[in-house]
Amino acid sequence: DFFIHIATIAVGLLLAIGLEQTVEAIHHLHQVRETREALH
């Protein structure tokens, strides 16, 4: 039960980090797209 509980917490943290990184990556892509349009 203890290891299942720890694994659940770890998976939750990984999902949160992955979601944050995904949002950040989308934001970076948006920044690059806007910059390229402005430079064009």
PDB file of all heavy atoms in Angstrom:
ATOM      1  N   ASP A   1       0.831  -1.211   0.000  1.00  0.00           N
ATOM      2  CA  ASP A   1       0.000   0.000   0.000  1.00  0.00           C
ATOM      3  C   ASP A   1       0.863   1.258   0.000  1.00  0.00           C
ATOM      4  O   ASP A   1       0.555   2.264  -0.662  1.00  0.00           O
ATOM      5  CB  ASP A   1      -0.902   0.001   1.240  1.00  0.00           C
ATOM      6  CG  ASP A   1      -1.933  -1.115   1.216  1.00  0.00           C
ATOM      7  OD1 ASP A   1      -2.319  -1.510   0.091  1.00  0.00           O
ATOM      8  OD2 ASP A   1      -2.314  -1.570   2.292  1.00  0.00           O
ATOM      9  N   PHE A   2       1.961   1.195   0.766  1.00  0.00           N
ATOM     10  CA  PHE A   2       2.855   2.358   0.856  1.00  0.00           C
ATOM     11  C   PHE A   2       3.463   2.689  -0.501  1.00  0.00           C
ATOM     12  O   PHE A   2       3.464   3.840  -0.947  1.00  0.00           O
ATOM     13  CB  PHE A   2       3.958   2.067   1.887  1.00  0.00           C
ATOM     14  CG  PHE A   2       5.022   3.118   1.936  1.00  0.00           C
ATOM     15  CD1 PHE A   2       4.783   4.343   2.565  1.00  0.00           C
ATOM     16  CD2 PHE A   2       6.256   2.897   1.335  1.00  0.00           C
ATOM     17  CE1 PHE A   2       5.764   5.303   2.599  1.00  0.00           C
ATOM     18  CE2 PHE A   2       7.232   3.871   1.364  1.00  0.00           C
ATOM     19  CZ  PHE A   2       6.994   5.083   1.996  1.00  0.00           C
ATOM     20  N   PHE A   3       3.968   1.661  -1.191  1.00  0.00           N
ATOM     21  CA  PHE A   3       4.595   1.905  -2.493  1.00  0.00           C
ATOM     22  C   PHE A   3       3.572   2.348  -3.539  1.00  0.00           C
ATOM     23  O   PHE A   3       3.876   3.156  -4.424  1.00  0.00           O
ATOM     24  CB  PHE A   3       5.333   0.645  -2.953  1.00  0.00           C
ATOM     25  CG  PHE A   3       6.621   0.412  -2.231  1.00  0.00           C
ATOM     26  CD1 PHE A   3       6.816  -0.761  -1.490  1.00  0.00           C
ATOM     27  CD2 PHE A   3       7.638   1.357  -2.259  1.00  0.00           C
ATOM     28  CE1 PHE A   3       8.001  -0.965  -0.810  1.00  0.00           C
ATOM     29  CE2 PHE A   3       8.827   1.143  -1.585  1.00  0.00           C
ATOM     30  CZ  PHE A   3       9.009  -0.014  -0.850  1.00  0.00           C
ATOM     31  N   ILE A   4       2.349   1.806  -3.426  1.00  0.00           N
ATOM     32  CA  ILE A   4       1.296   2.263  -4.361  1.00  0.00           C
ATOM     33  C   ILE A   4       1.006   3.736  -4.129  1.00  0.00           C
ATOM     34  O   ILE A   4       0.832   4.529  -5.074  1.00  0.00           O
ATOM     35  CB  ILE A   4       0.020   1.414  -4.187  1.00  0.00           C
ATOM     36  CG1 ILE A   4       0.270  -0.016  -4.701  1.00  0.00           C
ATOM     37  CG2 ILE A   4      -1.158   2.048  -4.915  1.00  0.00           C
ATOM     38  CD1 ILE A   4      -0.887  -0.963  -4.408  1.00  0.00           C
ATOM     39  N   HIS A   5       0.955   4.114  -2.860  1.00  0.00           N
ATOM     40  CA  HIS A   5       0.700   5.517  -2.527  1.00  0.00           C
ATOM     41  C   HIS A   5       1.809   6.417  -3.068  1.00  0.00           C
ATOM     42  O   HIS A   5       1.542   7.472  -3.661  1.00  0.00           O
ATOM     43  CB  HIS A   5       0.595   5.640  -1.000  1.00  0.00           C
ATOM     44  CG  HIS A   5       0.287   7.037  -0.553  1.00  0.00           C
ATOM     45  ND1 HIS A   5      -0.907   7.665  -0.833  1.00  0.00           N
ATOM     46  CD2 HIS A   5       1.023   7.927   0.176  1.00  0.00           C
ATOM     47  CE1 HIS A   5      -0.900   8.866  -0.306  1.00  0.00           C
ATOM     48  NE2 HIS A   5       0.266   9.054   0.317  1.00  0.00           N
ATOM     49  N   ILE A   6       3.075   5.996  -2.868  1.00  0.00           N
ATOM     50  CA  ILE A   6       4.210   6.773  -3.378  1.00  0.00           C
ATOM     51  C   ILE A   6       4.169   6.863  -4.901  1.00  0.00           C
ATOM     52  O   ILE A   6       4.402   7.915  -5.504  1.00  0.00           O
ATOM     53  CB  ILE A   6       5.535   6.143  -2.917  1.00  0.00           C
ATOM     54  CG1 ILE A   6       5.678   6.251  -1.389  1.00  0.00           C
ATOM     55  CG2 ILE A   6       6.730   6.804  -3.603  1.00  0.00           C
ATOM     56  CD1 ILE A   6       5.704   7.667  -0.872  1.00  0.00           C
ATOM     57  N   ALA A   7       3.852   5.726  -5.552  1.00  0.00           N
ATOM     58  CA  ALA A   7       3.783   5.713  -7.019  1.00  0.00           C
ATOM     59  C   ALA A   7       2.699   6.654  -7.524  1.00  0.00           C
ATOM     60  O   ALA A   7       2.863   7.348  -8.534  1.00  0.00           O
ATOM     61  CB  ALA A   7       3.545   4.293  -7.505  1.00  0.00           C
ATOM     62  N   THR A   8       1.579   6.676  -6.811  1.00  0.00           N
ATOM     63  CA  THR A   8       0.481   7.569  -7.203  1.00  0.00           C
ATOM     64  C   THR A   8       0.919   9.029  -7.134  1.00  0.00           C
ATOM     65  O   THR A   8       0.641   9.831  -8.032  1.00  0.00           O
ATOM     66  CB  THR A   8      -0.739   7.341  -6.295  1.00  0.00           C
ATOM     67  OG1 THR A   8      -1.130   5.972  -6.376  1.00  0.00           O
ATOM     68  CG2 THR A   8      -1.887   8.242  -6.702  1.00  0.00           C
ATOM     69  N   ILE A   9       1.611   9.354  -6.054  1.00  0.00           N
ATOM     70  CA  ILE A   9       2.101  10.729  -5.914  1.00  0.00           C
ATOM     71  C   ILE A   9       3.100  11.057  -7.020  1.00  0.00           C
ATOM     72  O   ILE A   9       3.062  12.133  -7.635  1.00  0.00           O
ATOM     73  CB  ILE A   9       2.765  10.909  -4.532  1.00  0.00           C
ATOM     74  CG1 ILE A   9       1.707  10.791  -3.431  1.00  0.00           C
ATOM     75  CG2 ILE A   9       3.474  12.254  -4.438  1.00  0.00           C
ATOM     76  CD1 ILE A   9       2.277  10.799  -2.025  1.00  0.00           C
ATOM     77  N   ALA A  10       4.015  10.119  -7.302  1.00  0.00           N
ATOM     78  CA  ALA A  10       5.031  10.340  -8.335  1.00  0.00           C
ATOM     79  C   ALA A  10       4.391  10.549  -9.699  1.00  0.00           C
ATOM     80  O   ALA A  10       4.770  11.447 -10.462  1.00  0.00           O
ATOM     81  CB  ALA A  10       6.011   9.165  -8.373  1.00  0.00           C
ATOM     82  N   VAL A  11       3.411   9.683 -10.041  1.00  0.00           N
ATOM     83  CA  VAL A  11       2.716   9.816 -11.325  1.00  0.00           C
ATOM     84  C   VAL A  11       2.020  11.170 -11.405  1.00  0.00           C
ATOM     85  O   VAL A  11       2.032  11.856 -12.440  1.00  0.00           O
ATOM     86  CB  VAL A  11       1.721   8.664 -11.523  1.00  0.00           C
ATOM     87  CG1 VAL A  11       0.827   8.941 -12.731  1.00  0.00           C
ATOM     88  CG2 VAL A  11       2.467   7.355 -11.701  1.00  0.00           C
ATOM     89  N   GLY A  12       1.407  11.594 -10.292  1.00  0.00           N
ATOM     90  CA  GLY A  12       0.744  12.888 -10.283  1.00  0.00           C
ATOM     91  C   GLY A  12       1.703  14.033 -10.517  1.00  0.00           C
ATOM     92  O   GLY A  12       1.410  14.969 -11.268  1.00  0.00           O
ATOM     93  N   LEU A  13       2.874  13.938  -9.872  1.00  0.00           N
ATOM     94  CA  LEU A  13       3.887  14.978 -10.068  1.00  0.00           C
ATOM     95  C   LEU A  13       4.390  14.999 -11.506  1.00  0.00           C
ATOM     96  O   LEU A  13       4.563  16.064 -12.106  1.00  0.00           O
ATOM     97  CB  LEU A  13       5.057  14.744  -9.105  1.00  0.00           C
ATOM     98  CG  LEU A  13       4.796  15.040  -7.624  1.00  0.00           C
ATOM     99  CD1 LEU A  13       5.980  14.614  -6.770  1.00  0.00           C
ATOM    100  CD2 LEU A  13       4.508  16.536  -7.422  1.00  0.00           C
ATOM    101  N   LEU A  14       4.637  13.796 -12.055  1.00  0.00           N
ATOM    102  CA  LEU A  14       5.105  13.724 -13.444  1.00  0.00           C
ATOM    103  C   LEU A  14       4.075  14.286 -14.406  1.00  0.00           C
ATOM    104  O   LEU A  14       4.417  14.983 -15.376  1.00  0.00           O
ATOM    105  CB  LEU A  14       5.439  12.280 -13.803  1.00  0.00           C
ATOM    106  CG  LEU A  14       6.690  11.686 -13.140  1.00  0.00           C
ATOM    107  CD1 LEU A  14       6.813  10.200 -13.473  1.00  0.00           C
ATOM    108  CD2 LEU A  14       7.938  12.434 -13.589  1.00  0.00           C
ATOM    109  N   LEU A  15       2.798  13.979 -14.156  1.00  0.00           N
ATOM    110  CA  LEU A  15       1.747  14.527 -15.010  1.00  0.00           C
ATOM    111  C   LEU A  15       1.696  16.045 -14.912  1.00  0.00           C
ATOM    112  O   LEU A  15       1.526  16.755 -15.915  1.00  0.00           O
ATOM    113  CB  LEU A  15       0.389  13.925 -14.624  1.00  0.00           C
ATOM    114  CG  LEU A  15       0.165  12.459 -15.005  1.00  0.00           C
ATOM    115  CD1 LEU A  15      -1.165  11.958 -14.437  1.00  0.00           C
ATOM    116  CD2 LEU A  15       0.166  12.302 -16.535  1.00  0.00           C
ATOM    117  N   ALA A  16       1.848  16.549 -13.670  1.00  0.00           N
ATOM    118  CA  ALA A  16       1.818  18.001 -13.487  1.00  0.00           C
ATOM    119  C   ALA A  16       2.989  18.667 -14.194  1.00  0.00           C
ATOM    120  O   ALA A  16       2.833  19.695 -14.867  1.00  0.00           O
ATOM    121  CB  ALA A  16       1.838  18.332 -11.991  1.00  0.00           C
ATOM    122  N   ILE A  17       4.189  18.049 -14.035  1.00  0.00           N
ATOM    123  CA  ILE A  17       5.380  18.608 -14.694  1.00  0.00           C
ATOM    124  C   ILE A  17       5.232  18.528 -16.210  1.00  0.00           C
ATOM    125  O   ILE A  17       5.545  19.473 -16.953  1.00  0.00           O
ATOM    126  CB  ILE A  17       6.639  17.860 -14.229  1.00  0.00           C
ATOM    127  CG1 ILE A  17       6.900  18.136 -12.746  1.00  0.00           C
ATOM    128  CG2 ILE A  17       7.853  18.265 -15.067  1.00  0.00           C
ATOM    129  CD1 ILE A  17       8.008  17.286 -12.153  1.00  0.00           C
ATOM    130  N   GLY A  18       4.752  17.382 -16.692  1.00  0.00           N
ATOM    131  CA  GLY A  18       4.560  17.225 -18.133  1.00  0.00           C
ATOM    132  C   GLY A  18       3.574  18.229 -18.685  1.00  0.00           C
ATOM    133  O   GLY A  18       3.772  18.801 -19.761  1.00  0.00           O
ATOM    134  N   LEU A  19       2.484  18.455 -17.939  1.00  0.00           N
ATOM    135  CA  LEU A  19       1.485  19.432 -18.376  1.00  0.00           C
ATOM    136  C   LEU A  19       2.081  20.833 -18.401  1.00  0.00           C
ATOM    137  O   LEU A  19       1.853  21.600 -19.347  1.00  0.00           O
ATOM    138  CB  LEU A  19       0.278  19.383 -17.435  1.00  0.00           C
ATOM    139  CG  LEU A  19      -0.865  20.354 -17.748  1.00  0.00           C
ATOM    140  CD1 LEU A  19      -1.436  20.055 -19.141  1.00  0.00           C
ATOM    141  CD2 LEU A  19      -1.965  20.247 -16.699  1.00  0.00           C
ATOM    142  N   GLU A  20       2.872  21.151 -17.374  1.00  0.00           N
ATOM    143  CA  GLU A  20       3.501  22.470 -17.321  1.00  0.00           C
ATOM    144  C   GLU A  20       4.462  22.656 -18.484  1.00  0.00           C
ATOM    145  O   GLU A  20       4.493  23.715 -19.129  1.00  0.00           O
ATOM    146  CB  GLU A  20       4.239  22.632 -15.994  1.00  0.00           C
ATOM    147  CG  GLU A  20       4.904  23.996 -15.834  1.00  0.00           C
ATOM    148  CD  GLU A  20       5.656  24.122 -14.525  1.00  0.00           C
ATOM    149  OE1 GLU A  20       5.702  23.135 -13.764  1.00  0.00           O
ATOM    150  OE2 GLU A  20       6.211  25.214 -14.265  1.00  0.00           O
ATOM    151  N   GLN A  21       5.250  21.607 -18.756  1.00  0.00           N
ATOM    152  CA  GLN A  21       6.201  21.693 -19.871  1.00  0.00           C
ATOM    153  C   GLN A  21       5.483  21.789 -21.212  1.00  0.00           C
ATOM    154  O   GLN A  21       5.938  22.483 -22.121  1.00  0.00           O
ATOM    155  CB  GLN A  21       7.140  20.481 -19.839  1.00  0.00           C
ATOM    156  CG  GLN A  21       8.121  20.486 -18.688  1.00  0.00           C
ATOM    157  CD  GLN A  21       9.033  19.275 -18.696  1.00  0.00           C
ATOM    158  OE1 GLN A  21       8.713  18.247 -19.300  1.00  0.00           O
ATOM    159  NE2 GLN A  21      10.180  19.379 -18.011  1.00  0.00           N
ATOM    160  N   THR A  22       4.363  21.096 -21.327  1.00  0.00           N
ATOM    161  CA  THR A  22       3.586  21.162 -22.566  1.00  0.00           C
ATOM    162  C   THR A  22       3.045  22.569 -22.782  1.00  0.00           C
ATOM    163  O   THR A  22       3.117  23.122 -23.889  1.00  0.00           O
ATOM    164  CB  THR A  22       2.427  20.159 -22.521  1.00  0.00           C
ATOM    165  OG1 THR A  22       2.948  18.837 -22.374  1.00  0.00           O
ATOM    166  CG2 THR A  22       1.598  20.239 -23.793  1.00  0.00           C
ATOM    167  N   VAL A  23       2.511  23.160 -21.708  1.00  0.00           N
ATOM    168  CA  VAL A  23       2.001  24.538 -21.796  1.00  0.00           C
ATOM    169  C   VAL A  23       3.121  25.498 -22.155  1.00  0.00           C
ATOM    170  O   VAL A  23       2.961  26.391 -22.994  1.00  0.00           O
ATOM    171  CB  VAL A  23       1.340  24.942 -20.461  1.00  0.00           C
ATOM    172  CG1 VAL A  23       1.003  26.429 -20.465  1.00  0.00           C
ATOM    173  CG2 VAL A  23       0.090  24.120 -20.210  1.00  0.00           C
ATOM    174  N   GLU A  24       4.310  25.283 -21.517  1.00  0.00           N
ATOM    175  CA  GLU A  24       5.452  26.149 -21.797  1.00  0.00           C
ATOM    176  C   GLU A  24       5.925  25.986 -23.236  1.00  0.00           C
ATOM    177  O   GLU A  24       6.261  26.969 -23.909  1.00  0.00           O
ATOM    178  CB  GLU A  24       6.595  25.827 -20.836  1.00  0.00           C
ATOM    179  CG  GLU A  24       7.776  26.782 -20.946  1.00  0.00           C
ATOM    180  CD  GLU A  24       8.851  26.498 -19.921  1.00  0.00           C
ATOM    181  OE1 GLU A  24       8.682  25.546 -19.129  1.00  0.00           O
ATOM    182  OE2 GLU A  24       9.862  27.229 -19.908  1.00  0.00           O
ATOM    183  N   ALA A  25       5.950  24.739 -23.728  1.00  0.00           N
ATOM    184  CA  ALA A  25       6.376  24.493 -25.110  1.00  0.00           C
ATOM    185  C   ALA A  25       5.419  25.149 -26.103  1.00  0.00           C
ATOM    186  O   ALA A  25       5.847  25.732 -27.103  1.00  0.00           O
ATOM    187  CB  ALA A  25       6.454  22.990 -25.368  1.00  0.00           C
ATOM    188  N   ILE A  26       4.114  25.058 -25.814  1.00  0.00           N
ATOM    189  CA  ILE A  26       3.129  25.698 -26.683  1.00  0.00           C
ATOM    190  C   ILE A  26       3.322  27.213 -26.672  1.00  0.00           C
ATOM    191  O   ILE A  26       3.238  27.882 -27.714  1.00  0.00           O
ATOM    192  CB  ILE A  26       1.699  25.326 -26.231  1.00  0.00           C
ATOM    193  CG1 ILE A  26       1.440  23.836 -26.482  1.00  0.00           C
ATOM    194  CG2 ILE A  26       0.657  26.168 -26.957  1.00  0.00           C
ATOM    195  CD1 ILE A  26       0.119  23.342 -25.919  1.00  0.00           C
ATOM    196  N   HIS A  27       3.622  27.743 -25.467  1.00  0.00           N
ATOM    197  CA  HIS A  27       3.873  29.191 -25.349  1.00  0.00           C
ATOM    198  C   HIS A  27       5.102  29.597 -26.156  1.00  0.00           C
ATOM    199  O   HIS A  27       5.099  30.616 -26.846  1.00  0.00           O
ATOM    200  CB  HIS A  27       4.057  29.561 -23.882  1.00  0.00           C
ATOM    201  CG  HIS A  27       4.391  31.012 -23.664  1.00  0.00           C
ATOM    202  ND1 HIS A  27       3.536  32.035 -24.021  1.00  0.00           N
ATOM    203  CD2 HIS A  27       5.500  31.601 -23.130  1.00  0.00           C
ATOM    204  CE1 HIS A  27       4.093  33.192 -23.718  1.00  0.00           C
ATOM    205  NE2 HIS A  27       5.281  32.958 -23.181  1.00  0.00           N
ATOM    206  N   HIS A  28       6.170  28.781 -26.106  1.00  0.00           N
ATOM    207  CA  HIS A  28       7.382  29.071 -26.859  1.00  0.00           C
ATOM    208  C   HIS A  28       7.119  29.029 -28.363  1.00  0.00           C
ATOM    209  O   HIS A  28       7.617  29.879 -29.117  1.00  0.00           O
ATOM    210  CB  HIS A  28       8.477  28.073 -26.489  1.00  0.00           C
ATOM    211  CG  HIS A  28       9.055  28.317 -25.130  1.00  0.00           C
ATOM    212  ND1 HIS A  28       9.893  27.404 -24.503  1.00  0.00           N
ATOM    213  CD2 HIS A  28       8.916  29.354 -24.261  1.00  0.00           C
ATOM    214  CE1 HIS A  28      10.245  27.883 -23.327  1.00  0.00           C
ATOM    215  NE2 HIS A  28       9.660  29.059 -23.152  1.00  0.00           N
ATOM    216  N   LEU A  29       6.346  28.023 -28.796  1.00  0.00           N
ATOM    217  CA  LEU A  29       6.005  27.942 -30.220  1.00  0.00           C
ATOM    218  C   LEU A  29       5.225  29.168 -30.660  1.00  0.00           C
ATOM    219  O   LEU A  29       5.439  29.696 -31.758  1.00  0.00           O
ATOM    220  CB  LEU A  29       5.186  26.671 -30.480  1.00  0.00           C
ATOM    221  CG  LEU A  29       5.947  25.334 -30.402  1.00  0.00           C
ATOM    222  CD1 LEU A  29       4.964  24.170 -30.517  1.00  0.00           C
ATOM    223  CD2 LEU A  29       6.994  25.248 -31.498  1.00  0.00           C
ATOM    224  N   HIS A  30       4.344  29.629 -29.795  1.00  0.00           N
ATOM    225  CA  HIS A  30       3.558  30.827 -30.095  1.00  0.00           C
ATOM    226  C   HIS A  30       4.471  32.048 -30.187  1.00  0.00           C
ATOM    227  O   HIS A  30       4.316  32.884 -31.093  1.00  0.00           O
ATOM    228  CB  HIS A  30       2.500  31.028 -29.009  1.00  0.00           C
ATOM    229  CG  HIS A  30       1.618  32.220 -29.243  1.00  0.00           C
ATOM    230  ND1 HIS A  30       0.714  32.294 -30.281  1.00  0.00           N
ATOM    231  CD2 HIS A  30       1.515  33.404 -28.563  1.00  0.00           C
ATOM    232  CE1 HIS A  30       0.078  33.442 -30.233  1.00  0.00           C
ATOM    233  NE2 HIS A  30       0.554  34.144 -29.205  1.00  0.00           N
ATOM    234  N   GLN A  31       5.438  32.144 -29.257  1.00  0.00           N
ATOM    235  CA  GLN A  31       6.377  33.267 -29.281  1.00  0.00           C
ATOM    236  C   GLN A  31       7.206  33.264 -30.563  1.00  0.00           C
ATOM    237  O   GLN A  31       7.393  34.316 -31.196  1.00  0.00           O
ATOM    238  CB  GLN A  31       7.316  33.196 -28.068  1.00  0.00           C
ATOM    239  CG  GLN A  31       6.705  33.619 -26.751  1.00  0.00           C
ATOM    240  CD  GLN A  31       7.717  33.540 -25.625  1.00  0.00           C
ATOM    241  OE1 GLN A  31       8.279  32.476 -25.345  1.00  0.00           O
ATOM    242  NE2 GLN A  31       7.972  34.662 -24.979  1.00  0.00           N
ATOM    243  N   VAL A  32       7.707  32.083 -30.944  1.00  0.00           N
ATOM    244  CA  VAL A  32       8.523  31.977 -32.154  1.00  0.00           C
ATOM    245  C   VAL A  32       7.702  32.322 -33.392  1.00  0.00           C
ATOM    246  O   VAL A  32       8.175  33.037 -34.293  1.00  0.00           O
ATOM    247  CB  VAL A  32       9.131  30.559 -32.272  1.00  0.00           C
ATOM    248  CG1 VAL A  32       9.787  30.371 -33.638  1.00  0.00           C
ATOM    249  CG2 VAL A  32      10.147  30.325 -31.160  1.00  0.00           C
ATOM    250  N   ARG A  33       6.457  31.825 -33.439  1.00  0.00           N
ATOM    251  CA  ARG A  33       5.603  32.123 -34.586  1.00  0.00           C
ATOM    252  C   ARG A  33       5.338  33.626 -34.699  1.00  0.00           C
ATOM    253  O   ARG A  33       5.403  34.202 -35.798  1.00  0.00           O
ATOM    254  CB  ARG A  33       4.290  31.349 -34.459  1.00  0.00           C
ATOM    255  CG  ARG A  33       3.359  31.548 -35.662  1.00  0.00           C
ATOM    256  CD  ARG A  33       2.176  30.592 -35.637  1.00  0.00           C
ATOM    257  NE  ARG A  33       1.350  30.802 -34.448  1.00  0.00           N
ATOM    258  CZ  ARG A  33       1.273  29.970 -33.437  1.00  0.00           C
ATOM    259  NH1 ARG A  33       1.999  28.849 -33.428  1.00  0.00           N
ATOM    260  NH2 ARG A  33       0.493  30.220 -32.400  1.00  0.00           N
ATOM    261  N   GLU A  34       5.043  34.263 -33.573  1.00  0.00           N
ATOM    262  CA  GLU A  34       4.796  35.711 -33.586  1.00  0.00           C
ATOM    263  C   GLU A  34       6.056  36.477 -33.992  1.00  0.00           C
ATOM    264  O   GLU A  34       5.974  37.451 -34.749  1.00  0.00           O
ATOM    265  CB  GLU A  34       4.337  36.177 -32.200  1.00  0.00           C
ATOM    266  CG  GLU A  34       2.895  35.848 -31.866  1.00  0.00           C
ATOM    267  CD  GLU A  34       2.460  36.505 -30.563  1.00  0.00           C
ATOM    268  OE1 GLU A  34       3.334  36.782 -29.714  1.00  0.00           O
ATOM    269  OE2 GLU A  34       1.244  36.738 -30.398  1.00  0.00           O
ATOM    270  N   THR A  35       7.208  36.030 -33.489  1.00  0.00           N
ATOM    271  CA  THR A  35       8.467  36.699 -33.822  1.00  0.00           C
ATOM    272  C   THR A  35       8.785  36.570 -35.303  1.00  0.00           C
ATOM    273  O   THR A  35       9.201  37.535 -35.952  1.00  0.00           O
ATOM    274  CB  THR A  35       9.617  36.106 -32.983  1.00  0.00           C
ATOM    275  OG1 THR A  35       9.361  36.366 -31.594  1.00  0.00           O
ATOM    276  CG2 THR A  35      10.950  36.715 -33.373  1.00  0.00           C
ATOM    277  N   ARG A  36       8.590  35.374 -35.846  1.00  0.00           N
ATOM    278  CA  ARG A  36       8.861  35.184 -37.277  1.00  0.00           C
ATOM    279  C   ARG A  36       7.946  36.045 -38.132  1.00  0.00           C
ATOM    280  O   ARG A  36       8.366  36.609 -39.148  1.00  0.00           O
ATOM    281  CB  ARG A  36       8.697  33.712 -37.643  1.00  0.00           C
ATOM    282  CG  ARG A  36       9.882  32.838 -37.216  1.00  0.00           C
ATOM    283  CD  ARG A  36       9.629  31.384 -37.459  1.00  0.00           C
ATOM    284  NE  ARG A  36      10.811  30.564 -37.185  1.00  0.00           N
ATOM    285  CZ  ARG A  36      10.770  29.291 -36.868  1.00  0.00           C
ATOM    286  NH1 ARG A  36       9.594  28.662 -36.775  1.00  0.00           N
ATOM    287  NH2 ARG A  36      11.884  28.623 -36.627  1.00  0.00           N
ATOM    288  N   GLU A  37       6.704  36.173 -37.732  1.00  0.00           N
ATOM    289  CA  GLU A  37       5.771  37.014 -38.479  1.00  0.00           C
ATOM    290  C   GLU A  37       6.200  38.481 -38.410  1.00  0.00           C
ATOM    291  O   GLU A  37       6.172  39.190 -39.423  1.00  0.00           O
ATOM    292  CB  GLU A  37       4.359  36.855 -37.916  1.00  0.00           C
ATOM    293  CG  GLU A  37       3.305  37.653 -38.677  1.00  0.00           C
ATOM    294  CD  GLU A  37       1.903  37.437 -38.124  1.00  0.00           C
ATOM    295  OE1 GLU A  37       1.734  36.587 -37.222  1.00  0.00           O
ATOM    296  OE2 GLU A  37       0.983  38.141 -38.599  1.00  0.00           O
ATOM    297  N   ALA A  38       6.615  38.923 -37.203  1.00  0.00           N
ATOM    298  CA  ALA A  38       7.070  40.302 -37.050  1.00  0.00           C
ATOM    299  C   ALA A  38       8.338  40.561 -37.864  1.00  0.00           C
ATOM    300  O   ALA A  38       8.484  41.614 -38.504  1.00  0.00           O
ATOM    301  CB  ALA A  38       7.318  40.611 -35.572  1.00  0.00           C
ATOM    302  N   LEU A  39       9.267  39.593 -37.856  1.00  0.00           N
ATOM    303  CA  LEU A  39      10.495  39.738 -38.637  1.00  0.00           C
ATOM    304  C   LEU A  39      10.218  39.729 -40.130  1.00  0.00           C
ATOM    305  O   LEU A  39      10.880  40.437 -40.899  1.00  0.00           O
ATOM    306  CB  LEU A  39      11.475  38.616 -38.273  1.00  0.00           C
ATOM    307  CG  LEU A  39      12.110  38.684 -36.882  1.00  0.00           C
ATOM    308  CD1 LEU A  39      12.899  37.415 -36.591  1.00  0.00           C
ATOM    309  CD2 LEU A  39      13.003  39.906 -36.751  1.00  0.00           C
ATOM    310  N   HIS A  40       9.251  38.931 -40.535  1.00  0.00           N
ATOM    311  CA  HIS A  40       8.858  38.887 -41.947  1.00  0.00           C
ATOM    312  C   HIS A  40       8.340  40.259 -42.391  1.00  0.00           C
ATOM    313  O   HIS A  40       8.746  40.781 -43.446  1.00  0.00           O
ATOM    314  CB  HIS A  40       7.784  37.822 -42.145  1.00  0.00           C
ATOM    315  CG  HIS A  40       7.237  37.749 -43.538  1.00  0.00           C
ATOM    316  ND1 HIS A  40       7.910  37.137 -44.584  1.00  0.00           N
ATOM    317  CD2 HIS A  40       6.078  38.227 -44.064  1.00  0.00           C
ATOM    318  CE1 HIS A  40       7.195  37.235 -45.680  1.00  0.00           C
ATOM    319  NE2 HIS A  40       6.082  37.889 -45.402  1.00  0.00           N
TER     320      HIS A  40
END
